């Protein structure tokens, strides 16, 4: 499976949690736009991630998955559901 990873690092600037979340959200939007501008041919893309530092920090950021792994993960997400009953 092919993988390309892009990072954006800010060093030497103190950012609040709110600023970090805002910047992460803007970077996510820019990354998705860049895929479209580059003419990327995705068959069945699945986007996973978030910009909330307090919610599952290991998922912080954005992953765009495509191909068999995206199909497999998408089916698992649908099987689990998107909410937890309390």
C-alpha atoms as a PDB file:
ATOM      1  CA  UNK A   1       0.000   0.000   0.000  1.00  0.00           C
ATOM      2  CA  UNK A   2       1.359   3.410  -0.934  1.00  0.00           C
ATOM      3  CA  UNK A   3       1.626   6.055   1.767  1.00  0.00           C
ATOM      4  CA  UNK A   4       2.554   9.726   1.686  1.00  0.00           C
ATOM      5  CA  UNK A   5       2.794  11.715   4.892  1.00  0.00           C
ATOM      6  CA  UNK A   6       2.844  15.503   5.216  1.00  0.00           C
ATOM      7  CA  UNK A   7       3.549  17.416   8.421  1.00  0.00           C
ATOM      8  CA  UNK A   8       3.192  20.976   9.600  1.00  0.00           C
ATOM      9  CA  UNK A   9       5.293  21.888  12.635  1.00  0.00           C
ATOM     10  CA  UNK A  10       5.227  25.110  14.652  1.00  0.00           C
ATOM     11  CA  UNK A  11       8.194  25.571  16.979  1.00  0.00           C
ATOM     12  CA  UNK A  12       8.933  28.371  19.427  1.00  0.00           C
ATOM     13  CA  UNK A  13       5.363  29.691  19.633  1.00  0.00           C
ATOM     14  CA  UNK A  14       3.095  29.050  22.624  1.00  0.00           C
ATOM     15  CA  UNK A  15      -0.374  28.129  21.349  1.00  0.00           C
ATOM     16  CA  UNK A  16      -3.480  27.619  23.443  1.00  0.00           C
ATOM     17  CA  UNK A  17      -5.485  24.419  23.074  1.00  0.00           C
ATOM     18  CA  UNK A  18      -8.129  26.383  21.191  1.00  0.00           C
ATOM     19  CA  UNK A  19      -5.539  27.813  18.796  1.00  0.00           C
ATOM     20  CA  UNK A  20      -4.080  24.349  18.180  1.00  0.00           C
ATOM     21  CA  UNK A  21      -7.526  22.926  17.391  1.00  0.00           C
ATOM     22  CA  UNK A  22      -8.337  25.827  15.076  1.00  0.00           C
ATOM     23  CA  UNK A  23      -5.035  25.480  13.202  1.00  0.00           C
ATOM     24  CA  UNK A  24      -5.462  21.696  12.928  1.00  0.00           C
ATOM     25  CA  UNK A  25      -8.921  22.144  11.418  1.00  0.00           C
ATOM     26  CA  UNK A  26      -7.619  24.627   8.842  1.00  0.00           C
ATOM     27  CA  UNK A  27      -4.743  22.284   7.927  1.00  0.00           C
ATOM     28  CA  UNK A  28      -7.229  19.437   7.445  1.00  0.00           C
ATOM     29  CA  UNK A  29      -9.291  21.572   5.049  1.00  0.00           C
ATOM     30  CA  UNK A  30      -6.168  22.637   3.152  1.00  0.00           C
ATOM     31  CA  UNK A  31      -4.989  19.023   2.850  1.00  0.00           C
ATOM     32  CA  UNK A  32      -8.298  17.844   1.398  1.00  0.00           C
ATOM     33  CA  UNK A  33      -8.323  20.772  -1.036  1.00  0.00           C
ATOM     34  CA  UNK A  34      -4.744  19.936  -2.081  1.00  0.00           C
ATOM     35  CA  UNK A  35      -5.823  16.376  -2.966  1.00  0.00           C
ATOM     36  CA  UNK A  36      -8.467  17.808  -5.288  1.00  0.00           C
ATOM     37  CA  UNK A  37      -6.111  20.397  -6.814  1.00  0.00           C
ATOM     38  CA  UNK A  38      -3.525  17.682  -7.482  1.00  0.00           C
ATOM     39  CA  UNK A  39      -6.142  15.671  -9.354  1.00  0.00           C
ATOM     40  CA  UNK A  40      -5.806  12.663  -7.059  1.00  0.00           C
ATOM     41  CA  UNK A  41      -7.939   9.741  -8.220  1.00  0.00           C
ATOM     42  CA  UNK A  42      -9.482   8.222  -5.114  1.00  0.00           C
ATOM     43  CA  UNK A  43     -11.918   5.330  -5.581  1.00  0.00           C
ATOM     44  CA  UNK A  44     -13.662   5.231  -2.199  1.00  0.00           C
ATOM     45  CA  UNK A  45     -11.930   7.610   0.234  1.00  0.00           C
ATOM     46  CA  UNK A  46     -12.441   7.464   3.992  1.00  0.00           C
ATOM     47  CA  UNK A  47     -11.365  10.410   6.156  1.00  0.00           C
ATOM     48  CA  UNK A  48     -10.536   9.644   9.781  1.00  0.00           C
ATOM     49  CA  UNK A  49      -9.316  12.098  12.400  1.00  0.00           C
ATOM     50  CA  UNK A  50     -10.220  15.261  14.260  1.00  0.00           C
ATOM     51  CA  UNK A  51      -8.909  18.571  15.568  1.00  0.00           C
ATOM     52  CA  UNK A  52     -10.019  18.196  19.210  1.00  0.00           C
ATOM     53  CA  UNK A  53      -6.974  17.627  21.426  1.00  0.00           C
ATOM     54  CA  UNK A  54      -9.120  16.241  24.264  1.00  0.00           C
ATOM     55  CA  UNK A  55     -10.773  13.560  22.104  1.00  0.00           C
ATOM     56  CA  UNK A  56      -8.597  10.520  21.334  1.00  0.00           C
ATOM     57  CA  UNK A  57      -5.225  12.297  20.963  1.00  0.00           C
ATOM     58  CA  UNK A  58      -3.850   9.369  18.937  1.00  0.00           C
ATOM     59  CA  UNK A  59      -6.368  10.257  16.193  1.00  0.00           C
ATOM     60  CA  UNK A  60      -5.425  13.967  16.206  1.00  0.00           C
ATOM     61  CA  UNK A  61      -5.002  15.124  12.631  1.00  0.00           C
ATOM     62  CA  UNK A  62      -6.492  13.693   9.460  1.00  0.00           C
ATOM     63  CA  UNK A  63      -5.933  10.466   7.577  1.00  0.00           C
ATOM     64  CA  UNK A  64      -7.388   9.992   4.107  1.00  0.00           C
ATOM     65  CA  UNK A  65      -7.565   6.283   3.362  1.00  0.00           C
ATOM     66  CA  UNK A  66      -8.441   4.722   0.021  1.00  0.00           C
ATOM     67  CA  UNK A  67      -8.594   1.236  -1.425  1.00  0.00           C
ATOM     68  CA  UNK A  68      -9.172  -2.100   0.313  1.00  0.00           C
ATOM     69  CA  UNK A  69      -8.082  -0.888   3.761  1.00  0.00           C
ATOM     70  CA  UNK A  70     -10.519   2.049   3.589  1.00  0.00           C
ATOM     71  CA  UNK A  71     -13.332  -0.337   2.626  1.00  0.00           C
ATOM     72  CA  UNK A  72     -12.475  -2.694   5.489  1.00  0.00           C
ATOM     73  CA  UNK A  73     -12.213   0.088   8.069  1.00  0.00           C
ATOM     74  CA  UNK A  74     -15.389   1.773   6.805  1.00  0.00           C
ATOM     75  CA  UNK A  75     -17.341  -1.467   7.246  1.00  0.00           C
ATOM     76  CA  UNK A  76     -15.998  -1.837  10.806  1.00  0.00           C
ATOM     77  CA  UNK A  77     -16.964   1.747  11.646  1.00  0.00           C
ATOM     78  CA  UNK A  78     -20.476   1.151  10.316  1.00  0.00           C
ATOM     79  CA  UNK A  79     -20.742  -2.088  12.308  1.00  0.00           C
ATOM     80  CA  UNK A  80     -19.767  -0.297  15.521  1.00  0.00           C
ATOM     81  CA  UNK A  81     -21.863   2.792  14.842  1.00  0.00           C
ATOM     82  CA  UNK A  82     -20.982   6.436  15.403  1.00  0.00           C
ATOM     83  CA  UNK A  83     -22.374   6.853  18.880  1.00  0.00           C
ATOM     84  CA  UNK A  84     -22.360   5.143  22.242  1.00  0.00           C
ATOM     85  CA  UNK A  85     -25.633   4.722  24.104  1.00  0.00           C
ATOM     86  CA  UNK A  86     -25.390   5.909  27.732  1.00  0.00           C
END
